[in-house]
Amino acid sequence: MSTVFGEVAVLAARITEAYRRFPPATGARAPLPSWAVPELEVTPGMTDLTVWEEFEDRAETTGVFLDHLRTLSPFRRRTPENRRGLLAALREVIDARGGVVPMRIVTSLVLAHRA
């Protein structure tokens, strides 16, 4: 295992632990194409199914990461107290790693025409 992969795995484990401490749990969410495509393929009258995905790997500072997190509905479903606690816990974890967190942004678009 490479040092970088090991560091990312440790970071991911610490971030996961922070989420567990401040419910509700977000649960695993399957990527959009994995459930939307089979549904559209069996829906009568849907044609020209197209899937487009883009992946972007980048590193974000603690502030940018937390600003992005504040916009996501699983975060916003938490109580104000748990939101504050989660933000503080994540800030501590990311700052302990130098204030930068690696991210993979996945953008998926699934289109079909109704016949």
N, C-alpha and C. Protein backbone atom coordinates (compact mmCIF):
# COMPACT_ATOMS: atom_id res chain seq x y z
N MET A 1 0.86 -1.17 0.00
CA MET A 1 0.00 0.00 0.00
C MET A 1 0.90 1.23 0.00
N SER A 2 0.60 2.16 -0.87
CA SER A 2 1.40 3.38 -0.93
C SER A 2 1.12 4.27 0.28
N THR A 3 2.06 5.13 0.59
CA THR A 3 1.90 6.05 1.71
C THR A 3 0.71 6.97 1.49
N VAL A 4 0.57 7.48 0.26
CA VAL A 4 -0.55 8.38 -0.04
C VAL A 4 -1.87 7.67 0.14
N PHE A 5 -1.99 6.45 -0.39
CA PHE A 5 -3.24 5.70 -0.24
C PHE A 5 -3.52 5.45 1.23
N GLY A 6 -2.48 5.10 2.00
CA GLY A 6 -2.66 4.87 3.43
C GLY A 6 -3.13 6.11 4.15
N GLU A 7 -2.57 7.27 3.79
CA GLU A 7 -2.99 8.53 4.41
C GLU A 7 -4.44 8.84 4.09
N VAL A 8 -4.84 8.61 2.86
CA VAL A 8 -6.22 8.88 2.46
C VAL A 8 -7.17 7.93 3.17
N ALA A 9 -6.76 6.66 3.32
CA ALA A 9 -7.61 5.69 4.02
C ALA A 9 -7.80 6.09 5.48
N VAL A 10 -6.75 6.56 6.13
CA VAL A 10 -6.84 7.00 7.51
C VAL A 10 -7.75 8.23 7.60
N LEU A 11 -7.58 9.17 6.68
CA LEU A 11 -8.43 10.36 6.65
C LEU A 11 -9.89 9.97 6.47
N ALA A 12 -10.16 9.07 5.53
CA ALA A 12 -11.54 8.63 5.29
C ALA A 12 -12.14 7.98 6.53
N ALA A 13 -11.36 7.18 7.23
CA ALA A 13 -11.86 6.54 8.45
C ALA A 13 -12.18 7.58 9.52
N ARG A 14 -11.35 8.59 9.64
CA ARG A 14 -11.60 9.64 10.65
C ARG A 14 -12.81 10.49 10.28
N ILE A 15 -12.98 10.75 9.01
CA ILE A 15 -14.16 11.51 8.56
C ILE A 15 -15.41 10.69 8.80
N THR A 16 -15.37 9.39 8.50
CA THR A 16 -16.52 8.50 8.73
C THR A 16 -16.88 8.48 10.20
N GLU A 17 -15.90 8.41 11.07
CA GLU A 17 -16.15 8.42 12.51
C GLU A 17 -16.81 9.72 12.95
N ALA A 18 -16.37 10.85 12.39
CA ALA A 18 -16.99 12.13 12.72
C ALA A 18 -18.47 12.13 12.33
N TYR A 19 -18.79 11.60 11.16
CA TYR A 19 -20.19 11.52 10.72
C TYR A 19 -21.00 10.65 11.67
N ARG A 20 -20.44 9.56 12.14
CA ARG A 20 -21.17 8.65 13.03
C ARG A 20 -21.50 9.32 14.37
N ARG A 21 -20.65 10.23 14.80
CA ARG A 21 -20.88 10.89 16.09
C ARG A 21 -21.99 11.92 16.03
N PHE A 22 -22.35 12.36 14.84
CA PHE A 22 -23.35 13.43 14.71
C PHE A 22 -24.44 13.00 13.73
N PRO A 23 -25.45 12.24 14.22
CA PRO A 23 -26.48 11.70 13.34
C PRO A 23 -27.36 12.79 12.73
N PRO A 24 -28.21 12.48 11.76
CA PRO A 24 -28.50 11.12 11.31
C PRO A 24 -27.45 10.61 10.34
N ALA A 25 -27.35 9.30 10.29
CA ALA A 25 -26.44 8.66 9.35
C ALA A 25 -26.94 8.94 7.94
N THR A 26 -26.01 9.18 7.03
CA THR A 26 -26.41 9.47 5.66
C THR A 26 -26.62 8.20 4.86
N GLY A 27 -26.01 7.10 5.28
CA GLY A 27 -26.16 5.84 4.55
C GLY A 27 -25.42 5.87 3.23
N ALA A 28 -25.23 4.70 2.70
CA ALA A 28 -24.57 4.59 1.40
C ALA A 28 -25.58 4.94 0.31
N ARG A 29 -25.14 5.67 -0.67
CA ARG A 29 -26.01 6.05 -1.78
C ARG A 29 -25.36 5.57 -3.06
N ALA A 30 -26.11 4.78 -3.79
CA ALA A 30 -25.59 4.26 -5.05
C ALA A 30 -25.46 5.39 -6.07
N PRO A 31 -24.46 5.30 -6.94
CA PRO A 31 -24.33 6.31 -8.00
C PRO A 31 -25.58 6.36 -8.87
N LEU A 32 -25.94 7.55 -9.33
CA LEU A 32 -27.15 7.75 -10.13
C LEU A 32 -27.31 6.75 -11.27
N PRO A 33 -26.31 6.54 -12.12
CA PRO A 33 -26.52 5.63 -13.24
C PRO A 33 -26.86 4.20 -12.82
N SER A 34 -26.40 3.76 -11.66
CA SER A 34 -26.64 2.37 -11.26
C SER A 34 -28.10 2.07 -10.98
N TRP A 35 -28.88 3.07 -10.62
CA TRP A 35 -30.31 2.81 -10.41
C TRP A 35 -31.19 3.47 -11.46
N ALA A 36 -30.77 4.59 -12.01
CA ALA A 36 -31.61 5.29 -12.99
C ALA A 36 -31.64 4.57 -14.34
N VAL A 37 -30.50 4.07 -14.77
CA VAL A 37 -30.45 3.42 -16.09
C VAL A 37 -31.34 2.18 -16.14
N PRO A 38 -31.24 1.24 -15.19
CA PRO A 38 -32.14 0.08 -15.24
C PRO A 38 -33.62 0.46 -15.20
N GLU A 39 -33.94 1.50 -14.43
CA GLU A 39 -35.33 1.94 -14.35
C GLU A 39 -35.80 2.50 -15.69
N LEU A 40 -34.99 3.31 -16.33
CA LEU A 40 -35.37 3.88 -17.62
C LEU A 40 -35.42 2.82 -18.72
N GLU A 41 -34.56 1.83 -18.64
CA GLU A 41 -34.53 0.78 -19.67
C GLU A 41 -35.81 -0.04 -19.69
N VAL A 42 -36.49 -0.14 -18.57
CA VAL A 42 -37.73 -0.94 -18.53
C VAL A 42 -38.99 -0.08 -18.54
N THR A 43 -38.82 1.24 -18.58
CA THR A 43 -39.97 2.13 -18.61
C THR A 43 -40.50 2.25 -20.03
N PRO A 44 -41.75 1.87 -20.27
CA PRO A 44 -42.31 1.95 -21.62
C PRO A 44 -42.24 3.37 -22.16
N GLY A 45 -41.88 3.49 -23.40
CA GLY A 45 -41.88 4.78 -24.07
C GLY A 45 -40.61 5.59 -23.92
N MET A 46 -39.62 5.09 -23.19
CA MET A 46 -38.37 5.82 -23.02
C MET A 46 -37.35 5.32 -24.04
N THR A 47 -36.77 6.23 -24.80
CA THR A 47 -35.80 5.86 -25.84
C THR A 47 -34.55 6.73 -25.73
N ASP A 48 -33.58 6.41 -26.54
CA ASP A 48 -32.34 7.20 -26.65
C ASP A 48 -31.68 7.46 -25.29
N LEU A 49 -31.54 6.41 -24.51
CA LEU A 49 -30.91 6.53 -23.21
C LEU A 49 -29.44 6.91 -23.37
N THR A 50 -29.05 7.97 -22.69
CA THR A 50 -27.67 8.46 -22.75
C THR A 50 -27.18 8.70 -21.33
N VAL A 51 -25.96 8.25 -21.06
CA VAL A 51 -25.34 8.47 -19.76
C VAL A 51 -24.03 9.23 -19.97
N TRP A 52 -23.85 10.29 -19.22
CA TRP A 52 -22.62 11.06 -19.28
C TRP A 52 -22.12 11.22 -17.86
N GLU A 53 -20.85 10.93 -17.65
CA GLU A 53 -20.25 11.12 -16.33
C GLU A 53 -18.90 11.82 -16.49
N GLU A 54 -18.62 12.66 -15.52
CA GLU A 54 -17.33 13.34 -15.49
C GLU A 54 -16.78 13.21 -14.08
N PHE A 55 -15.49 12.94 -13.99
CA PHE A 55 -14.82 12.78 -12.71
C PHE A 55 -13.74 13.84 -12.60
N GLU A 56 -13.69 14.49 -11.46
CA GLU A 56 -12.66 15.49 -11.24
C GLU A 56 -12.04 15.24 -9.87
N ASP A 57 -10.75 14.95 -9.87
CA ASP A 57 -10.00 14.78 -8.63
C ASP A 57 -9.35 16.11 -8.29
N ARG A 58 -9.52 16.54 -7.06
CA ARG A 58 -8.90 17.79 -6.65
C ARG A 58 -8.71 17.78 -5.15
N ALA A 59 -7.93 18.71 -4.67
CA ALA A 59 -7.71 18.87 -3.24
C ALA A 59 -8.39 20.17 -2.81
N GLU A 60 -9.09 20.10 -1.70
CA GLU A 60 -9.80 21.27 -1.19
C GLU A 60 -9.26 21.64 0.18
N THR A 61 -9.21 22.92 0.46
CA THR A 61 -8.85 23.38 1.80
C THR A 61 -9.99 23.08 2.75
N THR A 62 -9.69 23.13 4.02
CA THR A 62 -10.72 22.87 5.03
C THR A 62 -11.93 23.78 4.82
N GLY A 63 -11.69 25.06 4.63
CA GLY A 63 -12.80 26.01 4.48
C GLY A 63 -13.67 25.72 3.27
N VAL A 64 -13.05 25.45 2.14
CA VAL A 64 -13.82 25.17 0.92
C VAL A 64 -14.61 23.87 1.09
N PHE A 65 -13.98 22.85 1.68
CA PHE A 65 -14.67 21.58 1.91
C PHE A 65 -15.89 21.78 2.79
N LEU A 66 -15.73 22.50 3.89
CA LEU A 66 -16.85 22.71 4.81
C LEU A 66 -17.92 23.60 4.20
N ASP A 67 -17.53 24.58 3.40
CA ASP A 67 -18.53 25.41 2.70
C ASP A 67 -19.37 24.56 1.75
N HIS A 68 -18.73 23.66 1.03
CA HIS A 68 -19.45 22.76 0.13
C HIS A 68 -20.39 21.85 0.94
N LEU A 69 -19.88 21.30 2.02
CA LEU A 69 -20.68 20.41 2.86
C LEU A 69 -21.95 21.08 3.34
N ARG A 70 -21.87 22.35 3.70
CA ARG A 70 -23.04 23.08 4.22
C ARG A 70 -24.18 23.16 3.21
N THR A 71 -23.91 22.94 1.93
CA THR A 71 -24.95 23.04 0.90
C THR A 71 -25.66 21.72 0.65
N LEU A 72 -25.17 20.62 1.17
CA LEU A 72 -25.72 19.30 0.86
C LEU A 72 -26.87 18.94 1.79
N SER A 73 -27.93 18.38 1.22
CA SER A 73 -29.12 18.09 2.02
C SER A 73 -28.87 17.10 3.16
N PRO A 74 -28.03 16.05 3.00
CA PRO A 74 -27.81 15.18 4.16
C PRO A 74 -27.22 15.94 5.35
N PHE A 75 -26.40 16.94 5.08
CA PHE A 75 -25.86 17.76 6.17
C PHE A 75 -26.95 18.64 6.75
N ARG A 76 -27.76 19.23 5.91
CA ARG A 76 -28.78 20.18 6.36
C ARG A 76 -29.91 19.49 7.12
N ARG A 77 -30.06 18.17 6.97
CA ARG A 77 -31.08 17.43 7.72
C ARG A 77 -30.71 17.25 9.19
N ARG A 78 -29.47 17.47 9.54
CA ARG A 78 -29.05 17.33 10.93
C ARG A 78 -29.60 18.50 11.75
N THR A 79 -29.67 18.27 13.05
CA THR A 79 -30.07 19.36 13.94
C THR A 79 -28.97 20.42 13.91
N PRO A 80 -29.31 21.68 14.24
CA PRO A 80 -28.27 22.71 14.29
C PRO A 80 -27.09 22.32 15.20
N GLU A 81 -27.39 21.69 16.32
CA GLU A 81 -26.32 21.26 17.24
C GLU A 81 -25.41 20.22 16.58
N ASN A 82 -26.00 19.26 15.88
CA ASN A 82 -25.19 18.23 15.23
C ASN A 82 -24.44 18.79 14.02
N ARG A 83 -25.01 19.79 13.35
CA ARG A 83 -24.27 20.43 12.26
C ARG A 83 -23.02 21.12 12.79
N ARG A 84 -23.18 21.86 13.87
CA ARG A 84 -22.02 22.54 14.47
C ARG A 84 -20.97 21.52 14.93
N GLY A 85 -21.42 20.46 15.57
CA GLY A 85 -20.50 19.43 16.05
C GLY A 85 -19.76 18.75 14.91
N LEU A 86 -20.49 18.43 13.84
CA LEU A 86 -19.87 17.77 12.69
C LEU A 86 -18.85 18.70 12.03
N LEU A 87 -19.22 19.95 11.84
CA LEU A 87 -18.28 20.90 11.23
C LEU A 87 -17.01 21.02 12.06
N ALA A 88 -17.15 21.11 13.38
CA ALA A 88 -15.98 21.22 14.25
C ALA A 88 -15.12 19.95 14.18
N ALA A 89 -15.77 18.79 14.18
CA ALA A 89 -15.02 17.53 14.12
C ALA A 89 -14.29 17.39 12.79
N LEU A 90 -14.96 17.73 11.70
CA LEU A 90 -14.32 17.63 10.39
C LEU A 90 -13.19 18.64 10.25
N ARG A 91 -13.38 19.84 10.76
CA ARG A 91 -12.31 20.85 10.73
C ARG A 91 -11.08 20.31 11.46
N GLU A 92 -11.29 19.70 12.61
CA GLU A 92 -10.17 19.16 13.39
C GLU A 92 -9.44 18.06 12.61
N VAL A 93 -10.21 17.14 12.01
CA VAL A 93 -9.61 16.03 11.26
C VAL A 93 -8.82 16.55 10.06
N ILE A 94 -9.42 17.45 9.29
CA ILE A 94 -8.76 17.95 8.07
C ILE A 94 -7.56 18.83 8.41
N ASP A 95 -7.72 19.68 9.40
CA ASP A 95 -6.61 20.55 9.79
C ASP A 95 -5.43 19.73 10.31
N ALA A 96 -5.71 18.61 10.98
CA ALA A 96 -4.63 17.75 11.48
C ALA A 96 -3.84 17.13 10.33
N ARG A 97 -4.43 17.09 9.14
CA ARG A 97 -3.77 16.54 7.96
C ARG A 97 -3.16 17.66 7.11
N GLY A 98 -3.05 18.83 7.63
CA GLY A 98 -2.45 19.93 6.89
C GLY A 98 -3.45 20.87 6.26
N GLY A 99 -4.73 20.70 6.57
CA GLY A 99 -5.75 21.62 6.07
C GLY A 99 -6.17 21.39 4.64
N VAL A 100 -5.89 20.20 4.11
CA VAL A 100 -6.27 19.88 2.73
C VAL A 100 -6.87 18.48 2.71
N VAL A 101 -7.96 18.33 1.98
CA VAL A 101 -8.61 17.02 1.84
C VAL A 101 -8.75 16.69 0.36
N PRO A 102 -8.36 15.46 -0.04
CA PRO A 102 -8.54 15.07 -1.44
C PRO A 102 -10.02 14.76 -1.70
N MET A 103 -10.50 15.16 -2.85
CA MET A 103 -11.90 14.93 -3.20
C MET A 103 -12.00 14.41 -4.62
N ARG A 104 -13.00 13.59 -4.87
CA ARG A 104 -13.37 13.20 -6.22
C ARG A 104 -14.80 13.68 -6.43
N ILE A 105 -14.95 14.62 -7.34
CA ILE A 105 -16.26 15.16 -7.67
C ILE A 105 -16.78 14.34 -8.86
N VAL A 106 -17.95 13.74 -8.70
CA VAL A 106 -18.55 12.94 -9.76
C VAL A 106 -19.83 13.65 -10.21
N THR A 107 -19.88 13.98 -11.48
CA THR A 107 -21.06 14.59 -12.06
C THR A 107 -21.67 13.58 -13.02
N SER A 108 -22.94 13.23 -12.81
CA SER A 108 -23.62 12.25 -13.65
C SER A 108 -24.85 12.87 -14.27
N LEU A 109 -25.06 12.57 -15.53
CA LEU A 109 -26.24 13.03 -16.24
C LEU A 109 -26.82 11.83 -16.98
N VAL A 110 -28.08 11.54 -16.71
CA VAL A 110 -28.78 10.44 -17.37
C VAL A 110 -29.98 11.04 -18.10
N LEU A 111 -30.01 10.84 -19.40
CA LEU A 111 -31.09 11.40 -20.24
C LEU A 111 -31.80 10.29 -21.01
N ALA A 112 -33.07 10.49 -21.22
CA ALA A 112 -33.86 9.61 -22.09
C ALA A 112 -35.00 10.45 -22.67
N HIS A 113 -35.44 10.07 -23.85
CA HIS A 113 -36.56 10.77 -24.50
C HIS A 113 -37.83 9.95 -24.29
N ARG A 114 -38.90 10.67 -24.04
CA ARG A 114 -40.21 10.01 -23.97
C ARG A 114 -40.77 9.95 -25.38
N ALA A 115 -41.06 8.74 -25.83
CA ALA A 115 -41.56 8.55 -27.19
C ALA A 115 -42.99 9.00 -27.32
